[in-house]
Amino acid sequence: MKTIGRLVGSLTVARKLALIYMLDLTAVLFVSGILIREKYIAIDFAKKELVGSHYIAQVAGALAAVASAQMSRTQESAQGKAAV
């Protein structure tokens, strides 16, 4: 630890300021990378939601047709039993 202190102490003011700038820039780039990665995760999730919504829309139409056909068969069966 004393070695780092001596090394920093021997630097000129301009180099100390450059070191501070580089350390701050490193932190900013690290945090920016994390935020950018988080946004890409959110974008990928939104794309998956859109694919799922289109899939559900297709399946809902088919499911409604099947339910309608089944309902009409049930009604026809009930009418046939009532006629007997």
N, C-alpha and C. Protein backbone atom coordinates (compact mmCIF):
# COMPACT_ATOMS: atom_id res chain seq x y z
N MET A 1 0.83 -1.19 0.00
CA MET A 1 0.00 0.00 0.00
C MET A 1 0.87 1.25 0.00
N LYS A 2 1.97 1.19 0.75
CA LYS A 2 2.87 2.34 0.77
C LYS A 2 3.51 2.56 -0.60
N THR A 3 3.69 1.46 -1.35
CA THR A 3 4.29 1.58 -2.67
C THR A 3 3.38 2.36 -3.60
N ILE A 4 2.09 2.10 -3.54
CA ILE A 4 1.13 2.82 -4.37
C ILE A 4 1.10 4.30 -3.96
N GLY A 5 1.14 4.56 -2.67
CA GLY A 5 1.15 5.94 -2.19
C GLY A 5 2.38 6.69 -2.65
N ARG A 6 3.53 6.03 -2.60
CA ARG A 6 4.76 6.67 -3.08
C ARG A 6 4.69 6.91 -4.58
N LEU A 7 4.16 5.94 -5.31
CA LEU A 7 4.06 6.06 -6.76
C LEU A 7 3.15 7.22 -7.14
N VAL A 8 1.99 7.33 -6.50
CA VAL A 8 1.05 8.42 -6.79
C VAL A 8 1.64 9.75 -6.32
N GLY A 9 2.32 9.72 -5.20
CA GLY A 9 2.94 10.94 -4.68
C GLY A 9 4.01 11.49 -5.58
N SER A 10 4.66 10.63 -6.32
CA SER A 10 5.73 11.09 -7.20
C SER A 10 5.23 11.62 -8.54
N LEU A 11 3.95 11.45 -8.82
CA LEU A 11 3.39 11.91 -10.09
C LEU A 11 3.20 13.42 -10.08
N THR A 12 3.24 14.00 -11.27
CA THR A 12 2.96 15.43 -11.38
C THR A 12 1.44 15.63 -11.26
N VAL A 13 1.05 16.88 -11.07
CA VAL A 13 -0.36 17.20 -10.91
C VAL A 13 -1.13 16.81 -12.18
N ALA A 14 -0.56 17.06 -13.33
CA ALA A 14 -1.24 16.72 -14.58
C ALA A 14 -1.45 15.21 -14.68
N ARG A 15 -0.46 14.43 -14.28
CA ARG A 15 -0.61 12.97 -14.35
C ARG A 15 -1.59 12.46 -13.29
N LYS A 16 -1.62 13.10 -12.15
CA LYS A 16 -2.60 12.72 -11.13
C LYS A 16 -4.02 12.99 -11.64
N LEU A 17 -4.21 14.14 -12.27
CA LEU A 17 -5.52 14.47 -12.84
C LEU A 17 -5.88 13.49 -13.96
N ALA A 18 -4.90 13.12 -14.78
CA ALA A 18 -5.16 12.15 -15.84
C ALA A 18 -5.54 10.79 -15.24
N LEU A 19 -4.87 10.40 -14.16
CA LEU A 19 -5.19 9.14 -13.48
C LEU A 19 -6.61 9.17 -12.92
N ILE A 20 -6.98 10.28 -12.30
CA ILE A 20 -8.34 10.42 -11.77
C ILE A 20 -9.36 10.33 -12.91
N TYR A 21 -9.07 11.02 -14.01
CA TYR A 21 -9.96 10.99 -15.18
C TYR A 21 -10.11 9.57 -15.70
N MET A 22 -9.01 8.85 -15.83
CA MET A 22 -9.07 7.47 -16.35
C MET A 22 -9.86 6.55 -15.41
N LEU A 23 -9.67 6.71 -14.12
CA LEU A 23 -10.43 5.88 -13.17
C LEU A 23 -11.92 6.19 -13.24
N ASP A 24 -12.25 7.48 -13.34
CA ASP A 24 -13.66 7.85 -13.47
C ASP A 24 -14.25 7.35 -14.79
N LEU A 25 -13.48 7.47 -15.86
CA LEU A 25 -13.94 7.01 -17.16
C LEU A 25 -14.16 5.49 -17.15
N THR A 26 -13.29 4.76 -16.47
CA THR A 26 -13.45 3.32 -16.36
C THR A 26 -14.77 2.97 -15.65
N ALA A 27 -15.07 3.68 -14.57
CA ALA A 27 -16.31 3.43 -13.84
C ALA A 27 -17.53 3.75 -14.71
N VAL A 28 -17.46 4.87 -15.43
CA VAL A 28 -18.58 5.26 -16.29
C VAL A 28 -18.79 4.23 -17.41
N LEU A 29 -17.72 3.77 -18.02
CA LEU A 29 -17.84 2.76 -19.08
C LEU A 29 -18.38 1.44 -18.54
N PHE A 30 -17.96 1.06 -17.35
CA PHE A 30 -18.45 -0.18 -16.73
C PHE A 30 -19.96 -0.10 -16.48
N VAL A 31 -20.39 1.01 -15.87
CA VAL A 31 -21.82 1.17 -15.58
C VAL A 31 -22.63 1.29 -16.88
N SER A 32 -22.09 1.99 -17.86
CA SER A 32 -22.78 2.11 -19.15
C SER A 32 -22.94 0.75 -19.81
N GLY A 33 -21.91 -0.08 -19.72
CA GLY A 33 -22.00 -1.42 -20.28
C GLY A 33 -23.09 -2.24 -19.62
N ILE A 34 -23.20 -2.12 -18.31
CA ILE A 34 -24.25 -2.83 -17.58
C ILE A 34 -25.64 -2.35 -18.03
N LEU A 35 -25.81 -1.04 -18.15
CA LEU A 35 -27.10 -0.49 -18.56
C LEU A 35 -27.46 -0.86 -19.99
N ILE A 36 -26.47 -0.84 -20.88
CA ILE A 36 -26.73 -1.22 -22.26
C ILE A 36 -27.12 -2.68 -22.35
N ARG A 37 -26.43 -3.54 -21.61
CA ARG A 37 -26.77 -4.97 -21.60
C ARG A 37 -28.19 -5.17 -21.07
N GLU A 38 -28.56 -4.41 -20.05
CA GLU A 38 -29.91 -4.51 -19.48
C GLU A 38 -30.97 -4.09 -20.51
N LYS A 39 -30.68 -3.06 -21.29
CA LYS A 39 -31.63 -2.63 -22.32
C LYS A 39 -31.78 -3.69 -23.41
N TYR A 40 -30.67 -4.32 -23.80
CA TYR A 40 -30.77 -5.38 -24.80
C TYR A 40 -31.59 -6.56 -24.28
N ILE A 41 -31.47 -6.85 -23.00
CA ILE A 41 -32.29 -7.92 -22.40
C ILE A 41 -33.77 -7.54 -22.48
N ALA A 42 -34.09 -6.27 -22.18
CA ALA A 42 -35.48 -5.81 -22.25
C ALA A 42 -36.00 -5.84 -23.68
N ILE A 43 -35.16 -5.47 -24.65
CA ILE A 43 -35.58 -5.50 -26.05
C ILE A 43 -35.84 -6.93 -26.50
N ASP A 44 -34.96 -7.86 -26.13
CA ASP A 44 -35.16 -9.26 -26.49
C ASP A 44 -36.44 -9.81 -25.87
N PHE A 45 -36.72 -9.42 -24.63
CA PHE A 45 -37.94 -9.87 -23.96
C PHE A 45 -39.17 -9.33 -24.68
N ALA A 46 -39.11 -8.06 -25.09
CA ALA A 46 -40.24 -7.47 -25.81
C ALA A 46 -40.48 -8.18 -27.14
N LYS A 47 -39.39 -8.54 -27.84
CA LYS A 47 -39.53 -9.27 -29.09
C LYS A 47 -40.19 -10.63 -28.84
N LYS A 48 -39.81 -11.30 -27.77
CA LYS A 48 -40.42 -12.59 -27.44
C LYS A 48 -41.89 -12.41 -27.09
N GLU A 49 -42.23 -11.31 -26.41
CA GLU A 49 -43.64 -11.05 -26.10
C GLU A 49 -44.45 -10.83 -27.37
N LEU A 50 -43.89 -10.13 -28.35
CA LEU A 50 -44.60 -9.91 -29.62
C LEU A 50 -44.83 -11.23 -30.35
N VAL A 51 -43.82 -12.09 -30.36
CA VAL A 51 -43.98 -13.40 -31.00
C VAL A 51 -45.07 -14.18 -30.27
N GLY A 52 -45.06 -14.13 -28.94
CA GLY A 52 -46.09 -14.83 -28.16
C GLY A 52 -47.47 -14.27 -28.41
N SER A 53 -47.59 -12.97 -28.56
CA SER A 53 -48.90 -12.35 -28.82
C SER A 53 -49.44 -12.79 -30.18
N HIS A 54 -48.57 -12.84 -31.19
CA HIS A 54 -49.02 -13.30 -32.51
C HIS A 54 -49.44 -14.77 -32.44
N TYR A 55 -48.69 -15.55 -31.70
CA TYR A 55 -49.03 -16.97 -31.54
C TYR A 55 -50.38 -17.13 -30.85
N ILE A 56 -50.59 -16.38 -29.78
CA ILE A 56 -51.86 -16.46 -29.05
C ILE A 56 -53.02 -16.02 -29.93
N ALA A 57 -52.80 -14.99 -30.77
CA ALA A 57 -53.88 -14.53 -31.66
C ALA A 57 -54.26 -15.64 -32.64
N GLN A 58 -53.30 -16.36 -33.17
CA GLN A 58 -53.58 -17.45 -34.09
C GLN A 58 -54.29 -18.60 -33.37
N VAL A 59 -53.80 -18.95 -32.21
CA VAL A 59 -54.38 -20.06 -31.47
C VAL A 59 -55.78 -19.71 -30.97
N ALA A 60 -55.99 -18.45 -30.59
CA ALA A 60 -57.31 -18.03 -30.10
C ALA A 60 -58.37 -18.19 -31.19
N GLY A 61 -58.02 -17.85 -32.42
CA GLY A 61 -58.97 -18.01 -33.52
C GLY A 61 -59.32 -19.48 -33.73
N ALA A 62 -58.32 -20.32 -33.73
CA ALA A 62 -58.56 -21.76 -33.91
C ALA A 62 -59.34 -22.32 -32.73
N LEU A 63 -59.01 -21.89 -31.53
CA LEU A 63 -59.71 -22.38 -30.34
C LEU A 63 -61.17 -21.94 -30.34
N ALA A 64 -61.43 -20.72 -30.81
CA ALA A 64 -62.81 -20.24 -30.89
C ALA A 64 -63.60 -21.07 -31.91
N ALA A 65 -62.98 -21.43 -33.02
CA ALA A 65 -63.65 -22.25 -34.02
C ALA A 65 -63.97 -23.63 -33.46
N VAL A 66 -63.04 -24.23 -32.75
CA VAL A 66 -63.27 -25.55 -32.14
C VAL A 66 -64.37 -25.47 -31.09
N ALA A 67 -64.34 -24.43 -30.27
CA ALA A 67 -65.37 -24.28 -29.23
C ALA A 67 -66.74 -24.07 -29.86
N SER A 68 -66.80 -23.30 -30.93
CA SER A 68 -68.07 -23.06 -31.61
C SER A 68 -68.62 -24.35 -32.21
N ALA A 69 -67.75 -25.14 -32.83
CA ALA A 69 -68.19 -26.41 -33.41
C ALA A 69 -68.66 -27.36 -32.32
N GLN A 70 -67.95 -27.39 -31.22
CA GLN A 70 -68.34 -28.28 -30.12
C GLN A 70 -69.66 -27.83 -29.51
N MET A 71 -69.85 -26.52 -29.42
CA MET A 71 -71.09 -25.98 -28.85
C MET A 71 -72.28 -26.34 -29.74
N SER A 72 -72.10 -26.24 -31.05
CA SER A 72 -73.21 -26.55 -31.96
C SER A 72 -73.52 -28.05 -31.92
N ARG A 73 -72.48 -28.89 -31.78
CA ARG A 73 -72.74 -30.34 -31.66
C ARG A 73 -73.48 -30.64 -30.37
N THR A 74 -73.14 -29.96 -29.31
CA THR A 74 -73.82 -30.18 -28.03
C THR A 74 -75.28 -29.76 -28.14
N GLN A 75 -75.54 -28.64 -28.80
CA GLN A 75 -76.92 -28.17 -28.97
C GLN A 75 -77.71 -29.12 -29.87
N GLU A 76 -77.10 -29.62 -30.94
CA GLU A 76 -77.77 -30.57 -31.82
C GLU A 76 -78.10 -31.86 -31.07
N SER A 77 -77.16 -32.29 -30.23
CA SER A 77 -77.38 -33.51 -29.45
C SER A 77 -78.53 -33.30 -28.46
N ALA A 78 -78.58 -32.14 -27.83
CA ALA A 78 -79.65 -31.84 -26.88
C ALA A 78 -80.99 -31.76 -27.59
N GLN A 79 -81.02 -31.19 -28.79
CA GLN A 79 -82.27 -31.09 -29.54
C GLN A 79 -82.72 -32.47 -30.00
N GLY A 80 -81.78 -33.33 -30.35
CA GLY A 80 -82.12 -34.69 -30.78
C GLY A 80 -82.71 -35.49 -29.64
N LYS A 81 -82.17 -35.31 -28.44
CA LYS A 81 -82.70 -36.05 -27.27
C LYS A 81 -84.06 -35.51 -26.88
N ALA A 82 -84.28 -34.18 -27.06
CA ALA A 82 -85.56 -33.61 -26.72
C ALA A 82 -86.66 -34.04 -27.68
N ALA A 83 -86.28 -34.31 -28.92
CA ALA A 83 -87.25 -34.74 -29.93
C ALA A 83 -87.69 -36.18 -29.68
N VAL A 84 -86.84 -36.96 -29.03
CA VAL A 84 -87.18 -38.37 -28.81
C VAL A 84 -88.12 -38.52 -27.70
